Amino acid sequence: MTKQHVDVLSVIEVNNKTIYGIKNRQVLKWLHLLKEHSPEETRENVALYLGR
């Protein structure tokens, strides 16, 4: 990565809401309680929500 001039690490500002949100999503994934939707499922859900 160094030869390609790509930064290996980056520093970003986060708040507690972001930290706990990421942590909670990971815990739900480990417990198989978080379902990840495909783009098609997401599109259908949004269309149903908006009423089209």
PDB file of N, CA and C in Angstrom:
ATOM      1  N   MET A   1       0.828  -1.195   0.000  1.00  0.00           N
ATOM      2  CA  MET A   1       0.000   0.000   0.000  1.00  0.00           C
ATOM      3  C   MET A   1       0.870   1.256   0.000  1.00  0.00           C
ATOM      4  N   THR A   2       2.011   1.176   0.643  1.00  0.00           N
ATOM      5  CA  THR A   2       2.903   2.325   0.667  1.00  0.00           C
ATOM      6  C   THR A   2       3.407   2.637  -0.736  1.00  0.00           C
ATOM      7  N   LYS A   3       3.692   1.604  -1.523  1.00  0.00           N
ATOM      8  CA  LYS A   3       4.165   1.817  -2.891  1.00  0.00           C
ATOM      9  C   LYS A   3       3.099   2.465  -3.757  1.00  0.00           C
ATOM     10  N   GLN A   4       1.842   2.222  -3.435  1.00  0.00           N
ATOM     11  CA  GLN A   4       0.735   2.797  -4.195  1.00  0.00           C
ATOM     12  C   GLN A   4       0.326   4.167  -3.655  1.00  0.00           C
ATOM     13  N   HIS A   5       1.042   4.639  -2.656  1.00  0.00           N
ATOM     14  CA  HIS A   5       0.772   5.931  -2.015  1.00  0.00           C
ATOM     15  C   HIS A   5      -0.635   6.000  -1.439  1.00  0.00           C
ATOM     16  N   VAL A   6      -1.047   4.909  -0.799  1.00  0.00           N
ATOM     17  CA  VAL A   6      -2.347   4.841  -0.149  1.00  0.00           C
ATOM     18  C   VAL A   6      -2.136   4.947   1.355  1.00  0.00           C
ATOM     19  N   ASP A   7      -2.911   5.814   1.996  1.00  0.00           N
ATOM     20  CA  ASP A   7      -2.807   5.936   3.442  1.00  0.00           C
ATOM     21  C   ASP A   7      -3.295   4.644   4.098  1.00  0.00           C
ATOM     22  N   VAL A   8      -2.485   4.116   4.991  1.00  0.00           N
ATOM     23  CA  VAL A   8      -2.845   2.885   5.678  1.00  0.00           C
ATOM     24  C   VAL A   8      -3.818   3.188   6.811  1.00  0.00           C
ATOM     25  N   LEU A   9      -3.602   4.261   7.501  1.00  0.00           N
ATOM     26  CA  LEU A   9      -4.463   4.661   8.620  1.00  0.00           C
ATOM     27  C   LEU A   9      -5.061   6.023   8.325  1.00  0.00           C
ATOM     28  N   SER A  10      -6.247   6.216   8.816  1.00  0.00           N
ATOM     29  CA  SER A  10      -6.856   7.533   8.715  1.00  0.00           C
ATOM     30  C   SER A  10      -7.468   7.870  10.062  1.00  0.00           C
ATOM     31  N   VAL A  11      -7.531   9.126  10.358  1.00  0.00           N
ATOM     32  CA  VAL A  11      -8.080   9.597  11.616  1.00  0.00           C
ATOM     33  C   VAL A  11      -9.377  10.328  11.305  1.00  0.00           C
ATOM     34  N   ILE A  12     -10.450   9.899  11.972  1.00  0.00           N
ATOM     35  CA  ILE A  12     -11.732  10.561  11.787  1.00  0.00           C
ATOM     36  C   ILE A  12     -12.307  10.904  13.152  1.00  0.00           C
ATOM     37  N   GLU A  13     -13.083  11.948  13.187  1.00  0.00           N
ATOM     38  CA  GLU A  13     -13.714  12.369  14.441  1.00  0.00           C
ATOM     39  C   GLU A  13     -15.024  11.604  14.604  1.00  0.00           C
ATOM     40  N   VAL A  14     -15.205  11.007  15.767  1.00  0.00           N
ATOM     41  CA  VAL A  14     -16.438  10.277  16.050  1.00  0.00           C
ATOM     42  C   VAL A  14     -16.996  10.740  17.384  1.00  0.00           C
ATOM     43  N   ASN A  15     -18.290  10.476  17.575  1.00  0.00           N
ATOM     44  CA  ASN A  15     -18.905  10.799  18.853  1.00  0.00           C
ATOM     45  C   ASN A  15     -19.414   9.507  19.486  1.00  0.00           C
ATOM     46  N   ASN A  16     -19.953   9.587  20.670  1.00  0.00           N
ATOM     47  CA  ASN A  16     -20.435   8.392  21.373  1.00  0.00           C
ATOM     48  C   ASN A  16     -21.541   7.680  20.616  1.00  0.00           C
ATOM     49  N   LYS A  17     -22.412   8.436  19.963  1.00  0.00           N
ATOM     50  CA  LYS A  17     -23.508   7.826  19.213  1.00  0.00           C
ATOM     51  C   LYS A  17     -22.955   6.920  18.112  1.00  0.00           C
ATOM     52  N   THR A  18     -21.942   7.376  17.423  1.00  0.00           N
ATOM     53  CA  THR A  18     -21.320   6.581  16.361  1.00  0.00           C
ATOM     54  C   THR A  18     -20.649   5.346  16.930  1.00  0.00           C
ATOM     55  N   ILE A  19     -19.899   5.521  17.998  1.00  0.00           N
ATOM     56  CA  ILE A  19     -19.172   4.398  18.606  1.00  0.00           C
ATOM     57  C   ILE A  19     -20.132   3.319  19.071  1.00  0.00           C
ATOM     58  N   TYR A  20     -21.159   3.702  19.814  1.00  0.00           N
ATOM     59  CA  TYR A  20     -22.094   2.712  20.337  1.00  0.00           C
ATOM     60  C   TYR A  20     -22.962   2.112  19.239  1.00  0.00           C
ATOM     61  N   GLY A  21     -23.274   2.885  18.199  1.00  0.00           N
ATOM     62  CA  GLY A  21     -24.035   2.351  17.082  1.00  0.00           C
ATOM     63  C   GLY A  21     -23.276   1.245  16.371  1.00  0.00           C
ATOM     64  N   ILE A  22     -21.991   1.478  16.102  1.00  0.00           N
ATOM     65  CA  ILE A  22     -21.152   0.465  15.451  1.00  0.00           C
ATOM     66  C   ILE A  22     -21.023  -0.759  16.338  1.00  0.00           C
ATOM     67  N   LYS A  23     -20.790  -0.530  17.627  1.00  0.00           N
ATOM     68  CA  LYS A  23     -20.640  -1.655  18.561  1.00  0.00           C
ATOM     69  C   LYS A  23     -21.918  -2.476  18.643  1.00  0.00           C
ATOM     70  N   ASN A  24     -23.054  -1.815  18.738  1.00  0.00           N
ATOM     71  CA  ASN A  24     -24.325  -2.519  18.847  1.00  0.00           C
ATOM     72  C   ASN A  24     -24.642  -3.310  17.588  1.00  0.00           C
ATOM     73  N   ARG A  25     -24.369  -2.728  16.408  1.00  0.00           N
ATOM     74  CA  ARG A  25     -24.597  -3.465  15.164  1.00  0.00           C
ATOM     75  C   ARG A  25     -23.732  -4.714  15.092  1.00  0.00           C
ATOM     76  N   GLN A  26     -22.473  -4.631  15.549  1.00  0.00           N
ATOM     77  CA  GLN A  26     -21.599  -5.795  15.520  1.00  0.00           C
ATOM     78  C   GLN A  26     -22.092  -6.880  16.476  1.00  0.00           C
ATOM     79  N   VAL A  27     -22.539  -6.497  17.657  1.00  0.00           N
ATOM     80  CA  VAL A  27     -23.069  -7.468  18.620  1.00  0.00           C
ATOM     81  C   VAL A  27     -24.303  -8.152  18.040  1.00  0.00           C
ATOM     82  N   LEU A  28     -25.187  -7.390  17.390  1.00  0.00           N
ATOM     83  CA  LEU A  28     -26.371  -7.983  16.769  1.00  0.00           C
ATOM     84  C   LEU A  28     -25.994  -8.943  15.651  1.00  0.00           C
ATOM     85  N   LYS A  29     -24.950  -8.623  14.892  1.00  0.00           N
ATOM     86  CA  LYS A  29     -24.484  -9.547  13.850  1.00  0.00           C
ATOM     87  C   LYS A  29     -23.992 -10.846  14.466  1.00  0.00           C
ATOM     88  N   TRP A  30     -23.223 -10.751  15.549  1.00  0.00           N
ATOM     89  CA  TRP A  30     -22.695 -11.947  16.204  1.00  0.00           C
ATOM     90  C   TRP A  30     -23.824 -12.826  16.726  1.00  0.00           C
ATOM     91  N   LEU A  31     -24.905 -12.211  17.192  1.00  0.00           N
ATOM     92  CA  LEU A  31     -26.040 -12.960  17.731  1.00  0.00           C
ATOM     93  C   LEU A  31     -27.042 -13.350  16.646  1.00  0.00           C
ATOM     94  N   HIS A  32     -26.722 -13.028  15.390  1.00  0.00           N
ATOM     95  CA  HIS A  32     -27.582 -13.319  14.245  1.00  0.00           C
ATOM     96  C   HIS A  32     -28.961 -12.678  14.391  1.00  0.00           C
ATOM     97  N   LEU A  33     -28.994 -11.487  14.959  1.00  0.00           N
ATOM     98  CA  LEU A  33     -30.244 -10.755  15.139  1.00  0.00           C
ATOM     99  C   LEU A  33     -30.366  -9.572  14.179  1.00  0.00           C
ATOM    100  N   LEU A  34     -29.327  -9.324  13.400  1.00  0.00           N
ATOM    101  CA  LEU A  34     -29.340  -8.206  12.463  1.00  0.00           C
ATOM    102  C   LEU A  34     -29.358  -8.762  11.050  1.00  0.00           C
ATOM    103  N   LYS A  35     -30.395  -8.448  10.319  1.00  0.00           N
ATOM    104  CA  LYS A  35     -30.513  -8.929   8.952  1.00  0.00           C
ATOM    105  C   LYS A  35     -30.034  -7.841   8.011  1.00  0.00           C
ATOM    106  N   GLU A  36     -29.112  -8.186   7.133  1.00  0.00           N
ATOM    107  CA  GLU A  36     -28.651  -7.246   6.128  1.00  0.00           C
ATOM    108  C   GLU A  36     -29.456  -7.471   4.861  1.00  0.00           C
ATOM    109  N   HIS A  37     -30.001  -6.393   4.320  1.00  0.00           N
ATOM    110  CA  HIS A  37     -30.866  -6.479   3.153  1.00  0.00           C
ATOM    111  C   HIS A  37     -30.063  -6.273   1.877  1.00  0.00           C
ATOM    112  N   SER A  38     -30.479  -6.976   0.835  1.00  0.00           N
ATOM    113  CA  SER A  38     -29.886  -6.775  -0.480  1.00  0.00           C
ATOM    114  C   SER A  38     -30.398  -5.440  -1.026  1.00  0.00           C
ATOM    115  N   PRO A  39     -29.737  -4.900  -2.048  1.00  0.00           N
ATOM    116  CA  PRO A  39     -30.227  -3.641  -2.633  1.00  0.00           C
ATOM    117  C   PRO A  39     -31.665  -3.755  -3.147  1.00  0.00           C
ATOM    118  N   GLU A  40     -32.022  -4.923  -3.679  1.00  0.00           N
ATOM    119  CA  GLU A  40     -33.387  -5.115  -4.178  1.00  0.00           C
ATOM    120  C   GLU A  40     -34.395  -5.070  -3.030  1.00  0.00           C
ATOM    121  N   GLU A  41     -34.071  -5.747  -1.915  1.00  0.00           N
ATOM    122  CA  GLU A  41     -34.968  -5.732  -0.756  1.00  0.00           C
ATOM    123  C   GLU A  41     -35.114  -4.319  -0.207  1.00  0.00           C
ATOM    124  N   THR A  42     -34.013  -3.589  -0.156  1.00  0.00           N
ATOM    125  CA  THR A  42     -34.049  -2.217   0.339  1.00  0.00           C
ATOM    126  C   THR A  42     -34.928  -1.353  -0.559  1.00  0.00           C
ATOM    127  N   ARG A  43     -34.773  -1.506  -1.873  1.00  0.00           N
ATOM    128  CA  ARG A  43     -35.577  -0.746  -2.831  1.00  0.00           C
ATOM    129  C   ARG A  43     -37.071  -1.047  -2.643  1.00  0.00           C
ATOM    130  N   GLU A  44     -37.404  -2.330  -2.479  1.00  0.00           N
ATOM    131  CA  GLU A  44     -38.803  -2.708  -2.270  1.00  0.00           C
ATOM    132  C   GLU A  44     -39.346  -2.148  -0.961  1.00  0.00           C
ATOM    133  N   ASN A  45     -38.554  -2.211   0.094  1.00  0.00           N
ATOM    134  CA  ASN A  45     -38.994  -1.696   1.395  1.00  0.00           C
ATOM    135  C   ASN A  45     -39.235  -0.193   1.345  1.00  0.00           C
ATOM    136  N   VAL A  46     -38.360   0.529   0.671  1.00  0.00           N
ATOM    137  CA  VAL A  46     -38.519   1.981   0.561  1.00  0.00           C
ATOM    138  C   VAL A  46     -39.767   2.302  -0.250  1.00  0.00           C
ATOM    139  N   ALA A  47     -39.980   1.564  -1.350  1.00  0.00           N
ATOM    140  CA  ALA A  47     -41.159   1.794  -2.171  1.00  0.00           C
ATOM    141  C   ALA A  47     -42.443   1.537  -1.374  1.00  0.00           C
ATOM    142  N   LEU A  48     -42.452   0.450  -0.580  1.00  0.00           N
ATOM    143  CA  LEU A  48     -43.614   0.170   0.260  1.00  0.00           C
ATOM    144  C   LEU A  48     -43.822   1.263   1.306  1.00  0.00           C
ATOM    145  N   TYR A  49     -42.727   1.732   1.885  1.00  0.00           N
ATOM    146  CA  TYR A  49     -42.817   2.762   2.915  1.00  0.00           C
ATOM    147  C   TYR A  49     -43.362   4.067   2.329  1.00  0.00           C
ATOM    148  N   LEU A  50     -42.915   4.404   1.130  1.00  0.00           N
ATOM    149  CA  LEU A  50     -43.350   5.659   0.506  1.00  0.00           C
ATOM    150  C   LEU A  50     -44.688   5.521  -0.183  1.00  0.00           C
ATOM    151  N   GLY A  51     -45.180   4.292  -0.340  1.00  0.00           N
ATOM    152  CA  GLY A  51     -46.503   4.085  -0.913  1.00  0.00           C
ATOM    153  C   GLY A  51     -46.537   4.072  -2.424  1.00  0.00           C
ATOM    154  N   ARG A  52     -45.445   3.676  -3.054  1.00  0.00           N
ATOM    155  CA  ARG A  52     -45.456   3.596  -4.516  1.00  0.00           C
ATOM    156  C   ARG A  52     -45.367   2.165  -4.953  1.00  0.00           C
TER     157      ARG A  52
END
